[in-house]
Amino acid sequence: MTNAAALFQPFQLGSLSLANRIVMAPMTRSFSPGGVPGDDVAAYYRRRAENAVGLIITEGTTIDRAGASFDANVPNFHAPESLAGWKKVVDAVHAAGGKIAPQLWHVGLARRPGTGPHPDAPSDSPSGILPNGKTVGEPMSEEDIADTIHAFAKAAKAAASIGFDAIELHGAHGYLIDQFFWEGLNRRSDRFGGDMKGRLTFAEEIIRAVRAEMPAAMPLILRYSQWKQQDYGARLAETPQELEAFLSPLSDAGVDIFHASTRRFWIPEFEGSDLNLAGWTKKLTGKPVITVGSVGLNSDFLGAFMGEGSPAASLDGLLKRFEDGEFDLVAIGRALLSDPQWAAKVRDGRFDELADFSAEALKELV
């Protein structure tokens, strides 16, 4: 019988003290009318904290930049009423014994013109182009970039004042920070573009600005990915050496934990090694890492967008990798979205009670 006790060891980093290694992955839900998370959102997160999730990372919540959001029902992290809503979420999670981090987000060119709470605003992007080279807007000016960096820092200051336990920056999946990383969308010739060193500059400046507004002991998490929603086969690094050149400047800038996002955690990242992306990230940086990607399920998330479910799957492979020291924390997405008690069931060995993922769960806050 599977024994998941290893996942229920405590974790400590700076001021962040977790009861176990289970993390709720950030998942966009669009249940915050006008950008304000309500009592139903607070209850949604509280249910996970009550059922043994060590750290909750919220759905992406947008910074104070007019083009940051593509959906008026996605929560924001700047309006006074939204911050008041987030304070209720934090208090509810803490009352249930959990810890919580906001995922600070700017969607960049993933936003179609005319969408979001400010439909007349332009969509921010490094170069105003799509991966196919089609021009769809103007590149961000240096003033735009400075304003965006300031907006991330302002959000970090608010997160600390509200009582969040850590902060995550969304630097993955082809959203704004990742668009600067990716040569496919960043064709700039100034200091924010060019080779990888230049394309890292935007993120480095955000990290330093955010870090300056956080308590020194409060951990900063960066979520990053090789794949992009614009191109599932995209890669920032083809070799461990290229990955080290990508990660080291971000680590030096102030990232405390890397959240290595993959579609399937069990896939080796590079030939010649079984390590996944999180495993390589830990090996190369020495920093704690979170693995994520269809944990507890037997198919990746693409099917969910087409209404497909996914049966629960064995955790044996995950536990073997964890016990081998490949990663420090495990983020659960769809399995936890469908089943608020997932972590408690795993802790108690009730594997036969784990719910299959149903796409119906996307339609409400279970």
Protein backbone atom coordinates (compact mmCIF):
# COMPACT_ATOMS: atom_id res chain seq x y z
CA MET A 1 0.00 0.00 0.00
CA THR A 2 1.25 3.51 -0.82
CA ASN A 3 2.55 5.40 2.20
CA ALA A 4 2.57 9.14 1.65
CA ALA A 5 3.95 10.07 5.07
CA ALA A 6 7.00 11.68 3.45
CA LEU A 7 4.78 14.40 1.97
CA PHE A 8 3.53 15.32 5.43
CA GLN A 9 6.84 16.42 6.91
CA PRO A 10 7.04 20.09 7.93
CA PHE A 11 8.83 22.64 5.75
CA GLN A 12 10.49 25.83 6.94
CA LEU A 13 12.00 28.67 4.92
CA GLY A 14 12.46 32.09 6.45
CA SER A 15 9.18 33.13 8.04
CA LEU A 16 7.21 30.48 6.11
CA SER A 17 6.44 27.45 8.25
CA LEU A 18 4.35 24.74 6.58
CA ALA A 19 2.80 21.68 8.21
CA ASN A 20 3.51 19.59 5.11
CA ARG A 21 4.74 19.61 1.50
CA ILE A 22 1.35 19.82 -0.22
CA VAL A 23 0.71 23.02 -2.20
CA MET A 24 -2.51 24.08 -3.90
CA ALA A 25 -1.49 25.09 -7.41
CA PRO A 26 -2.76 28.44 -8.73
CA MET A 27 -5.79 27.92 -10.97
CA THR A 28 -7.76 30.71 -12.66
CA ARG A 29 -11.41 30.50 -11.62
CA SER A 30 -13.10 33.78 -12.70
CA PHE A 31 -15.53 33.87 -9.79
CA SER A 32 -14.72 37.37 -8.54
CA PRO A 33 -17.23 39.80 -10.12
CA GLY A 34 -15.68 43.20 -10.67
CA GLY A 35 -12.33 41.77 -9.63
CA VAL A 36 -13.39 41.41 -5.98
CA PRO A 37 -12.98 38.03 -4.24
CA GLY A 38 -16.08 37.41 -2.14
CA ASP A 39 -17.09 35.16 0.72
CA ASP A 40 -17.47 32.20 -1.64
CA VAL A 41 -13.83 32.58 -2.73
CA ALA A 42 -12.72 32.74 0.91
CA ALA A 43 -14.71 29.58 1.68
CA TYR A 44 -13.25 27.81 -1.38
CA TYR A 45 -9.69 28.36 -0.16
CA ARG A 46 -10.58 27.70 3.48
CA ARG A 47 -11.90 24.24 2.57
CA ARG A 48 -8.46 23.26 1.25
CA ALA A 49 -6.72 24.62 4.35
CA GLU A 50 -9.12 22.68 6.58
CA ASN A 51 -8.22 19.52 4.70
CA ALA A 52 -4.45 19.49 5.15
CA VAL A 53 -3.15 21.63 2.27
CA GLY A 54 0.07 23.12 3.64
CA LEU A 55 0.37 26.13 1.31
CA ILE A 56 -2.29 27.64 -0.93
CA ILE A 57 -1.14 29.66 -3.93
CA THR A 58 -4.09 31.69 -5.12
CA GLU A 59 -5.39 31.95 -8.62
CA GLY A 60 -3.61 34.63 -10.60
CA THR A 61 -4.57 38.07 -9.32
CA THR A 62 -3.73 41.07 -11.46
CA ILE A 63 -1.54 44.06 -10.76
CA ASP A 64 -2.51 47.72 -11.21
CA ARG A 65 -1.97 48.05 -14.93
CA ALA A 66 -4.92 48.64 -17.26
CA GLY A 67 -4.02 45.80 -19.64
CA ALA A 68 -3.07 43.28 -16.95
CA SER A 69 -6.35 41.31 -17.02
CA PHE A 70 -8.40 39.66 -19.76
CA ASP A 71 -11.45 38.94 -17.61
CA ALA A 72 -13.41 41.28 -15.32
CA ASN A 73 -14.25 38.26 -13.14
CA VAL A 74 -10.60 37.50 -12.41
CA PRO A 75 -9.64 39.02 -9.04
CA ASN A 76 -7.33 42.01 -9.00
CA PHE A 77 -4.77 42.92 -6.38
CA HIS A 78 -4.99 46.70 -6.23
CA ALA A 79 -8.54 48.07 -5.82
CA PRO A 80 -9.34 48.78 -2.13
CA GLU A 81 -12.43 46.55 -2.19
CA SER A 82 -10.43 43.73 -3.79
CA LEU A 83 -7.68 43.97 -1.19
CA ALA A 84 -10.36 43.91 1.52
CA GLY A 85 -11.71 40.72 -0.08
CA TRP A 86 -8.25 39.19 -0.10
CA LYS A 87 -7.84 40.07 3.59
CA LYS A 88 -10.95 37.95 4.30
CA VAL A 89 -9.41 35.10 2.29
CA VAL A 90 -6.16 35.30 4.27
CA ASP A 91 -8.01 35.38 7.58
CA ALA A 92 -10.16 32.38 6.60
CA VAL A 93 -7.14 30.30 5.55
CA HIS A 94 -5.20 31.22 8.68
CA ALA A 95 -8.18 30.38 10.89
CA ALA A 96 -8.16 26.90 9.35
CA GLY A 97 -4.44 26.47 10.06
CA GLY A 98 -3.20 27.02 6.50
CA LYS A 99 -0.72 29.33 4.82
CA ILE A 100 -1.33 31.33 1.64
CA ALA A 101 0.50 33.25 -1.08
CA PRO A 102 -1.02 35.41 -3.82
CA GLN A 103 0.08 34.80 -7.39
CA LEU A 104 0.74 38.25 -8.85
CA TRP A 105 -0.12 38.32 -12.54
CA HIS A 106 -0.03 40.32 -15.73
CA VAL A 107 -1.34 38.44 -18.76
CA GLY A 108 0.42 40.59 -21.36
CA LEU A 109 -0.31 39.72 -24.97
CA ALA A 110 -2.44 36.74 -23.90
CA ARG A 111 -5.17 39.36 -23.58
CA ARG A 112 -7.23 39.88 -26.69
CA PRO A 113 -7.97 43.55 -27.49
CA GLY A 114 -11.25 44.76 -26.03
CA THR A 115 -11.38 42.29 -23.14
CA GLY A 116 -11.00 42.64 -19.38
CA PRO A 117 -12.08 45.38 -16.99
CA HIS A 118 -10.47 48.08 -19.19
CA PRO A 119 -11.41 47.03 -22.74
CA ASP A 120 -10.02 50.21 -24.31
CA ALA A 121 -6.53 49.70 -22.87
CA PRO A 122 -3.77 48.36 -25.11
CA SER A 123 -2.31 44.94 -24.35
CA ASP A 124 1.22 45.16 -22.94
CA SER A 125 3.94 43.08 -24.57
CA PRO A 126 7.68 43.19 -25.21
CA SER A 127 7.47 43.72 -28.96
CA GLY A 128 3.79 43.88 -29.97
CA ILE A 129 4.11 40.73 -32.08
CA LEU A 130 2.74 37.20 -32.09
CA PRO A 131 5.03 34.17 -32.41
CA ASN A 132 4.33 34.11 -36.16
CA GLY A 133 5.73 37.64 -36.41
CA LYS A 134 2.38 39.35 -36.97
CA THR A 135 2.26 42.83 -35.45
CA VAL A 136 -0.72 43.28 -33.14
CA GLY A 137 0.31 46.25 -31.02
CA GLU A 138 3.06 48.59 -29.92
CA PRO A 139 6.04 47.40 -27.85
CA MET A 140 6.04 48.55 -24.24
CA SER A 141 7.96 51.79 -23.77
CA GLU A 142 10.56 52.11 -21.04
CA GLU A 143 7.96 54.21 -19.17
CA ASP A 144 5.41 51.38 -19.53
CA ILE A 145 7.98 48.90 -18.22
CA ALA A 146 8.85 51.10 -15.24
CA ASP A 147 5.17 51.51 -14.40
CA THR A 148 4.63 47.74 -14.58
CA ILE A 149 7.59 47.04 -12.32
CA HIS A 150 6.21 49.59 -9.84
CA ALA A 151 2.77 47.93 -10.00
CA PHE A 152 4.26 44.55 -9.08
CA ALA A 153 6.14 46.16 -6.17
CA LYS A 154 2.98 47.93 -4.97
CA ALA A 155 1.11 44.61 -5.02
CA ALA A 156 3.88 42.94 -3.02
CA LYS A 157 3.70 45.66 -0.39
CA ALA A 158 -0.07 45.18 -0.15
CA ALA A 159 0.33 41.39 0.15
CA ALA A 160 2.71 41.78 3.07
CA SER A 161 0.45 44.28 4.82
CA ILE A 162 -2.62 42.05 4.42
CA GLY A 163 -0.84 39.13 6.09
CA PHE A 164 0.01 36.75 3.24
CA ASP A 165 2.74 34.25 4.10
CA ALA A 166 4.68 34.35 0.82
CA ILE A 167 4.34 35.85 -2.67
CA GLU A 168 4.45 34.17 -6.08
CA LEU A 169 5.21 35.92 -9.35
CA HIS A 170 3.63 34.36 -12.43
CA GLY A 171 6.55 34.08 -14.83
CA ALA A 172 5.21 31.10 -16.80
CA HIS A 173 2.85 29.95 -19.55
CA GLY A 174 3.39 32.77 -22.03
CA TYR A 175 2.11 35.62 -19.84
CA LEU A 176 3.89 38.98 -19.63
CA ILE A 177 7.02 38.11 -17.62
CA ASP A 178 7.44 34.93 -19.65
CA GLN A 179 6.92 36.88 -22.89
CA PHE A 180 10.05 38.84 -22.05
CA PHE A 181 11.95 35.57 -21.42
CA TRP A 182 10.91 34.05 -24.71
CA GLU A 183 12.72 34.88 -27.93
CA GLY A 184 9.50 34.04 -29.81
CA LEU A 185 7.80 37.18 -28.47
CA ASN A 186 10.70 39.37 -27.35
CA ARG A 187 12.44 40.94 -30.34
CA ARG A 188 13.54 44.08 -28.52
CA SER A 189 16.92 45.64 -29.25
CA ASP A 190 17.21 47.63 -25.99
CA ARG A 191 18.44 46.34 -22.63
CA PHE A 192 15.23 44.32 -22.12
CA GLY A 193 15.82 42.20 -25.23
CA GLY A 194 18.49 40.52 -27.29
CA ASP A 195 20.19 37.46 -25.80
CA MET A 196 18.95 35.59 -22.75
CA LYS A 197 20.85 37.94 -20.43
CA GLY A 198 18.90 40.90 -21.82
CA ARG A 199 15.58 39.06 -21.89
CA LEU A 200 15.96 38.32 -18.17
CA THR A 201 16.31 42.00 -17.25
CA PHE A 202 12.57 42.74 -16.93
CA ALA A 203 12.04 39.84 -14.49
CA GLU A 204 15.18 40.66 -12.52
CA GLU A 205 14.03 44.24 -12.00
CA ILE A 206 10.56 43.07 -10.93
CA ILE A 207 12.08 40.59 -8.49
CA ARG A 208 14.34 43.23 -6.93
CA ALA A 209 11.53 45.78 -6.70
CA VAL A 210 9.15 43.23 -5.15
CA ARG A 211 11.83 41.98 -2.77
CA ALA A 212 12.40 45.55 -1.54
CA GLU A 213 8.74 45.81 -0.46
CA MET A 214 8.65 42.44 1.35
CA PRO A 215 9.87 41.53 4.83
CA ALA A 216 13.35 40.07 4.48
CA ALA A 217 12.27 36.66 5.81
CA MET A 218 9.15 36.39 3.62
CA PRO A 219 9.76 33.95 0.73
CA LEU A 220 9.39 35.00 -2.89
CA ILE A 221 8.32 32.27 -5.32
CA LEU A 222 8.74 32.43 -9.09
CA ARG A 223 6.65 30.18 -11.32
CA TYR A 224 8.27 29.50 -14.66
CA SER A 225 7.79 27.04 -17.51
CA GLN A 226 9.43 25.91 -20.71
CA TRP A 227 6.07 25.51 -22.55
CA LYS A 228 3.92 28.47 -23.55
CA GLN A 229 0.20 28.56 -24.21
CA GLN A 230 1.15 30.03 -27.58
CA ASP A 231 3.48 27.06 -28.28
CA TYR A 232 3.38 23.91 -26.14
CA GLY A 233 6.71 22.79 -27.62
CA ALA A 234 8.57 26.02 -26.77
CA ARG A 235 11.72 25.77 -24.68
CA LEU A 236 13.73 28.45 -22.94
CA ALA A 237 16.60 26.02 -22.39
CA GLU A 238 17.64 23.03 -24.50
CA THR A 239 20.41 21.91 -22.13
CA PRO A 240 21.17 22.00 -18.39
CA GLN A 241 23.82 24.63 -19.12
CA GLU A 242 21.25 26.89 -20.79
CA LEU A 243 18.83 26.32 -17.91
CA GLU A 244 21.52 27.33 -15.42
CA ALA A 245 22.18 30.52 -17.39
CA PHE A 246 18.45 31.27 -17.18
CA LEU A 247 17.93 30.43 -13.51
CA SER A 248 21.08 31.81 -11.87
CA PRO A 249 20.37 35.53 -12.47
CA LEU A 250 16.80 35.09 -11.20
CA SER A 251 18.05 33.30 -8.11
CA ASP A 252 20.62 36.02 -7.49
CA ALA A 253 17.96 38.72 -7.92
CA GLY A 254 16.00 37.34 -4.95
CA VAL A 255 13.90 34.27 -5.82
CA ASP A 256 13.68 31.99 -2.77
CA ILE A 257 11.59 29.14 -4.24
CA PHE A 258 11.20 28.10 -7.87
CA HIS A 259 7.87 26.67 -9.03
CA ALA A 260 8.76 24.63 -12.11
CA SER A 261 5.60 24.20 -14.16
CA THR A 262 5.28 21.20 -16.45
CA ARG A 263 2.25 19.52 -17.99
CA ARG A 264 3.32 16.07 -16.71
CA PHE A 265 5.71 15.95 -13.74
CA TRP A 266 7.03 12.47 -14.62
CA ILE A 267 8.62 13.52 -17.94
CA PRO A 268 12.45 13.88 -17.83
CA GLU A 269 13.54 17.37 -18.87
CA PHE A 270 16.79 16.56 -20.67
CA GLU A 271 18.23 13.46 -22.30
CA GLY A 272 20.54 11.37 -20.16
CA SER A 273 18.78 12.04 -16.85
CA ASP A 274 15.47 11.11 -15.22
CA LEU A 275 15.28 14.49 -13.44
CA ASN A 276 12.20 16.54 -14.23
CA LEU A 277 12.28 20.33 -14.58
CA ALA A 278 11.96 20.84 -10.82
CA GLY A 279 14.76 18.35 -10.20
CA TRP A 280 17.11 20.16 -12.54
CA THR A 281 16.10 23.50 -11.02
CA LYS A 282 17.03 22.30 -7.53
CA LYS A 283 20.29 20.79 -8.74
CA LEU A 284 21.34 23.95 -10.55
CA THR A 285 20.27 26.60 -8.02
CA GLY A 286 20.31 24.84 -4.66
CA LYS A 287 17.02 26.61 -3.90
CA PRO A 288 13.83 24.81 -2.75
CA VAL A 289 11.54 23.86 -5.63
CA ILE A 290 7.90 23.03 -6.23
CA THR A 291 7.01 20.39 -8.80
CA VAL A 292 3.66 20.46 -10.59
CA GLY A 293 1.97 18.81 -13.55
CA SER A 294 -0.96 16.37 -13.43
CA VAL A 295 -0.10 15.11 -9.94
CA GLY A 296 -2.62 12.47 -8.87
CA LEU A 297 -4.15 12.21 -12.35
CA ASN A 298 -3.31 10.24 -15.48
CA SER A 299 -3.65 12.97 -18.12
CA ASP A 300 -2.57 16.58 -18.47
CA PHE A 301 -4.75 19.67 -18.30
CA LEU A 302 -5.39 20.16 -22.01
CA GLY A 303 -8.31 17.74 -21.93
CA ALA A 304 -9.98 19.73 -19.17
CA PHE A 305 -10.36 22.67 -21.55
CA MET A 306 -12.29 20.35 -23.87
CA GLY A 307 -14.58 19.09 -21.11
CA GLU A 308 -12.66 15.88 -20.42
CA GLY A 309 -12.24 14.36 -16.98
CA SER A 310 -9.29 12.38 -15.68
CA PRO A 311 -9.21 9.34 -13.38
CA ALA A 312 -7.18 9.46 -10.19
CA ALA A 313 -3.72 7.93 -10.55
CA SER A 314 -1.13 6.30 -8.30
CA LEU A 315 1.26 8.52 -6.35
CA ASP A 316 4.04 5.93 -6.24
CA GLY A 317 6.18 7.59 -8.92
CA LEU A 318 5.79 11.00 -7.30
CA LEU A 319 6.74 9.66 -3.88
CA LYS A 320 9.82 7.93 -5.27
CA ARG A 321 11.03 11.18 -6.81
CA PHE A 322 10.25 13.14 -3.63
CA GLU A 323 12.06 10.65 -1.41
CA ASP A 324 15.04 10.81 -3.77
CA GLY A 325 15.20 14.56 -3.03
CA GLU A 326 14.25 15.71 -6.52
CA PHE A 327 11.95 18.45 -5.20
CA ASP A 328 10.79 19.90 -1.89
CA LEU A 329 7.10 20.70 -2.40
CA VAL A 330 4.35 19.24 -4.58
CA ALA A 331 1.65 21.42 -6.16
CA ILE A 332 -1.73 19.83 -6.83
CA GLY A 333 -4.01 21.36 -9.44
CA ARG A 334 -7.08 19.70 -10.92
CA ALA A 335 -7.15 16.81 -8.41
CA LEU A 336 -7.51 19.36 -5.60
CA LEU A 337 -9.92 21.49 -7.59
CA SER A 338 -12.40 18.60 -7.81
CA ASP A 339 -11.77 17.23 -4.31
CA PRO A 340 -11.16 19.71 -1.44
CA GLN A 341 -10.31 16.74 0.82
CA TRP A 342 -7.61 15.35 -1.48
CA ALA A 343 -4.69 16.11 0.83
CA ALA A 344 -6.43 14.79 3.95
CA LYS A 345 -7.38 11.57 2.13
CA VAL A 346 -3.78 11.08 0.98
CA ARG A 347 -2.47 11.78 4.50
CA ASP A 348 -4.86 9.22 5.97
CA GLY A 349 -4.20 6.56 3.32
CA ARG A 350 -7.76 6.76 1.93
CA PHE A 351 -6.61 6.42 -1.66
CA ASP A 352 -9.72 4.52 -2.70
CA GLU A 353 -11.75 7.62 -1.80
CA LEU A 354 -9.84 10.01 -4.08
CA ALA A 355 -12.24 11.61 -6.54
CA ASP A 356 -11.63 11.55 -10.27
CA PHE A 357 -11.32 14.98 -11.87
CA SER A 358 -14.47 16.15 -13.62
CA ALA A 359 -14.50 19.20 -15.86
CA GLU A 360 -17.84 20.04 -14.21
CA ALA A 361 -15.78 21.24 -11.26
CA LEU A 362 -14.61 24.17 -13.40
CA LYS A 363 -18.15 25.56 -13.42
CA GLU A 364 -18.38 26.23 -9.67
CA LEU A 365 -16.28 26.74 -6.56
CA VAL A 366 -16.37 23.21 -5.11
